[in-house]
Amino acid sequence: MESAAFNFSTTYLTSTVFYDTDDARTPVVMEWGITRSTCEAAKIDKTTPYACVSNNSDCVNSDAGYRCRCSDGYKGNPYIVNGCTGSSSSPLFSFNFSMHKS
């Protein structure tokens, strides 16, 4: 749904009108983050635990704060210990070098 096509109504807050529109299939885009800080700031912040705890996870900065993802070659949940599983031995390119004695 284009933002220009949407008109907010206060009745959405106190009724099911919004939910009932289009049989509750209104598309929604959500951008979220762990906190409103950068990856670098989150790693050194001693008051809030750093969220990217899987060994094979990466931190990503966004407008909403930072978020975590599994590193290339891994999949799963970057927010739990050992949550990203797989293998980094699946390179995009593979080269086979062999030595032959003549």
C-alpha atoms as a PDB file:
ATOM      1  CA  MET A   1       0.000   0.000   0.000  1.00  0.00           C
ATOM      2  CA  GLU A   2       1.396   3.379  -0.940  1.00  0.00           C
ATOM      3  CA  SER A   3       1.642   5.812   1.957  1.00  0.00           C
ATOM      4  CA  ALA A   4      -0.340   8.352  -0.080  1.00  0.00           C
ATOM      5  CA  ALA A   5      -3.189   5.824  -0.312  1.00  0.00           C
ATOM      6  CA  PHE A   6      -3.506   5.466   3.462  1.00  0.00           C
ATOM      7  CA  ASN A   7      -5.490   7.875   5.621  1.00  0.00           C
ATOM      8  CA  PHE A   8      -5.251   7.334   9.365  1.00  0.00           C
ATOM      9  CA  SER A   9      -8.463   7.538  11.377  1.00  0.00           C
ATOM     10  CA  THR A  10      -8.715   7.781  15.162  1.00  0.00           C
ATOM     11  CA  THR A  11     -11.448   5.114  15.028  1.00  0.00           C
ATOM     12  CA  TYR A  12      -8.615   2.623  14.280  1.00  0.00           C
ATOM     13  CA  LEU A  13      -7.491   3.066  17.896  1.00  0.00           C
ATOM     14  CA  THR A  14     -10.803   2.214  19.532  1.00  0.00           C
ATOM     15  CA  SER A  15     -12.455  -0.233  17.140  1.00  0.00           C
ATOM     16  CA  THR A  16     -11.768  -3.109  14.769  1.00  0.00           C
ATOM     17  CA  VAL A  17     -12.421  -0.992  11.652  1.00  0.00           C
ATOM     18  CA  PHE A  18      -8.792  -1.127  10.478  1.00  0.00           C
ATOM     19  CA  TYR A  19      -8.527  -4.870  11.140  1.00  0.00           C
ATOM     20  CA  ASP A  20     -11.825  -5.553   9.383  1.00  0.00           C
ATOM     21  CA  THR A  21     -10.769  -3.673   6.233  1.00  0.00           C
ATOM     22  CA  ASP A  22      -9.621  -6.051   3.476  1.00  0.00           C
ATOM     23  CA  ASP A  23     -10.208  -9.067   5.760  1.00  0.00           C
ATOM     24  CA  ALA A  24      -7.176  -8.066   7.900  1.00  0.00           C
ATOM     25  CA  ARG A  25      -4.747  -8.425   5.002  1.00  0.00           C
ATOM     26  CA  THR A  26      -3.360  -4.911   4.975  1.00  0.00           C
ATOM     27  CA  PRO A  27       0.346  -5.044   4.103  1.00  0.00           C
ATOM     28  CA  VAL A  28       2.674  -3.573   6.703  1.00  0.00           C
ATOM     29  CA  VAL A  29       6.360  -2.712   6.510  1.00  0.00           C
ATOM     30  CA  MET A  30       8.211  -2.659   9.801  1.00  0.00           C
ATOM     31  CA  GLU A  31      11.721  -1.452  10.407  1.00  0.00           C
ATOM     32  CA  TRP A  32      13.036  -2.333  13.824  1.00  0.00           C
ATOM     33  CA  GLY A  33      16.210  -2.389  15.808  1.00  0.00           C
ATOM     34  CA  ILE A  34      17.455  -3.646  19.168  1.00  0.00           C
ATOM     35  CA  THR A  35      18.187  -0.179  20.562  1.00  0.00           C
ATOM     36  CA  ARG A  36      18.588   3.255  19.051  1.00  0.00           C
ATOM     37  CA  SER A  37      22.364   2.858  19.011  1.00  0.00           C
ATOM     38  CA  THR A  38      24.967   1.690  16.533  1.00  0.00           C
ATOM     39  CA  CYS A  39      26.649  -1.713  16.507  1.00  0.00           C
ATOM     40  CA  GLU A  40      29.861  -0.166  17.764  1.00  0.00           C
ATOM     41  CA  ALA A  41      28.150   1.621  20.678  1.00  0.00           C
ATOM     42  CA  ALA A  42      26.138  -1.482  21.611  1.00  0.00           C
ATOM     43  CA  LYS A  43      29.274  -3.641  21.820  1.00  0.00           C
ATOM     44  CA  ILE A  44      30.854  -1.396  24.469  1.00  0.00           C
ATOM     45  CA  ASP A  45      27.669  -0.464  26.387  1.00  0.00           C
ATOM     46  CA  LYS A  46      27.892  -2.097  29.828  1.00  0.00           C
ATOM     47  CA  THR A  47      24.274  -1.298  30.826  1.00  0.00           C
ATOM     48  CA  THR A  48      22.535  -3.273  28.050  1.00  0.00           C
ATOM     49  CA  PRO A  49      23.637  -6.746  26.904  1.00  0.00           C
ATOM     50  CA  TYR A  50      24.822  -6.965  23.296  1.00  0.00           C
ATOM     51  CA  ALA A  51      22.187  -8.891  21.321  1.00  0.00           C
ATOM     52  CA  CYS A  52      24.241 -10.559  18.560  1.00  0.00           C
ATOM     53  CA  VAL A  53      25.420 -13.504  20.665  1.00  0.00           C
ATOM     54  CA  SER A  54      25.734 -16.304  18.111  1.00  0.00           C
ATOM     55  CA  ASN A  55      29.358 -17.011  17.146  1.00  0.00           C
ATOM     56  CA  ASN A  56      28.470 -16.728  13.461  1.00  0.00           C
ATOM     57  CA  SER A  57      26.448 -13.518  13.552  1.00  0.00           C
ATOM     58  CA  ASP A  58      26.996  -9.992  12.266  1.00  0.00           C
ATOM     59  CA  CYS A  59      25.662  -6.667  13.482  1.00  0.00           C
ATOM     60  CA  VAL A  60      23.887  -4.331  11.041  1.00  0.00           C
ATOM     61  CA  ASN A  61      23.229  -0.611  11.604  1.00  0.00           C
ATOM     62  CA  SER A  62      19.865   0.784  10.490  1.00  0.00           C
ATOM     63  CA  ASP A  63      17.814   3.933  10.994  1.00  0.00           C
ATOM     64  CA  ALA A  64      15.892   2.203  13.791  1.00  0.00           C
ATOM     65  CA  GLY A  65      19.029   1.062  15.645  1.00  0.00           C
ATOM     66  CA  TYR A  66      21.129  -2.048  15.286  1.00  0.00           C
ATOM     67  CA  ARG A  67      19.981  -5.560  14.433  1.00  0.00           C
ATOM     68  CA  CYS A  68      21.667  -8.923  14.027  1.00  0.00           C
ATOM     69  CA  ARG A  69      21.897 -11.411  11.171  1.00  0.00           C
ATOM     70  CA  CYS A  70      23.623 -14.714  10.615  1.00  0.00           C
ATOM     71  CA  SER A  71      26.938 -14.456   8.758  1.00  0.00           C
ATOM     72  CA  ASP A  72      27.152 -15.513   5.106  1.00  0.00           C
ATOM     73  CA  GLY A  73      26.908 -19.286   4.826  1.00  0.00           C
ATOM     74  CA  TYR A  74      24.962 -19.599   8.094  1.00  0.00           C
ATOM     75  CA  LYS A  75      21.263 -19.510   8.961  1.00  0.00           C
ATOM     76  CA  GLY A  76      19.200 -19.474  12.111  1.00  0.00           C
ATOM     77  CA  ASN A  77      18.754 -17.136  15.066  1.00  0.00           C
ATOM     78  CA  PRO A  78      21.614 -14.662  15.698  1.00  0.00           C
ATOM     79  CA  TYR A  79      20.074 -13.627  19.047  1.00  0.00           C
ATOM     80  CA  ILE A  80      20.829 -16.924  20.842  1.00  0.00           C
ATOM     81  CA  VAL A  81      24.131 -18.671  21.596  1.00  0.00           C
ATOM     82  CA  ASN A  82      25.026 -21.045  18.726  1.00  0.00           C
ATOM     83  CA  GLY A  83      21.865 -19.884  16.936  1.00  0.00           C
ATOM     84  CA  CYS A  84      23.497 -19.468  13.509  1.00  0.00           C
ATOM     85  CA  THR A  85      24.355 -22.848  12.071  1.00  0.00           C
ATOM     86  CA  GLY A  86      25.792 -23.999   8.783  1.00  0.00           C
ATOM     87  CA  SER A  87      29.184 -23.800   7.240  1.00  0.00           C
ATOM     88  CA  SER A  88      31.326 -20.985   6.017  1.00  0.00           C
ATOM     89  CA  SER A  89      33.051 -23.512   3.761  1.00  0.00           C
ATOM     90  CA  SER A  90      30.466 -22.928   1.033  1.00  0.00           C
ATOM     91  CA  PRO A  91      32.263 -20.236  -0.966  1.00  0.00           C
ATOM     92  CA  LEU A  92      30.692 -18.400  -3.849  1.00  0.00           C
ATOM     93  CA  PHE A  93      33.610 -19.446  -6.056  1.00  0.00           C
ATOM     94  CA  SER A  94      35.553 -22.671  -5.957  1.00  0.00           C
ATOM     95  CA  PHE A  95      38.998 -23.209  -7.396  1.00  0.00           C
ATOM     96  CA  ASN A  96      40.700 -26.560  -7.777  1.00  0.00           C
ATOM     97  CA  PHE A  97      44.463 -26.389  -8.107  1.00  0.00           C
ATOM     98  CA  SER A  98      46.380 -29.596  -8.605  1.00  0.00           C
ATOM     99  CA  MET A  99      50.054 -30.220  -9.042  1.00  0.00           C
ATOM    100  CA  HIS A 100      51.098 -32.795 -11.619  1.00  0.00           C
ATOM    101  CA  LYS A 101      54.607 -34.176 -11.892  1.00  0.00           C
ATOM    102  CA  SER A 102      55.808 -34.601 -15.415  1.00  0.00           C
END
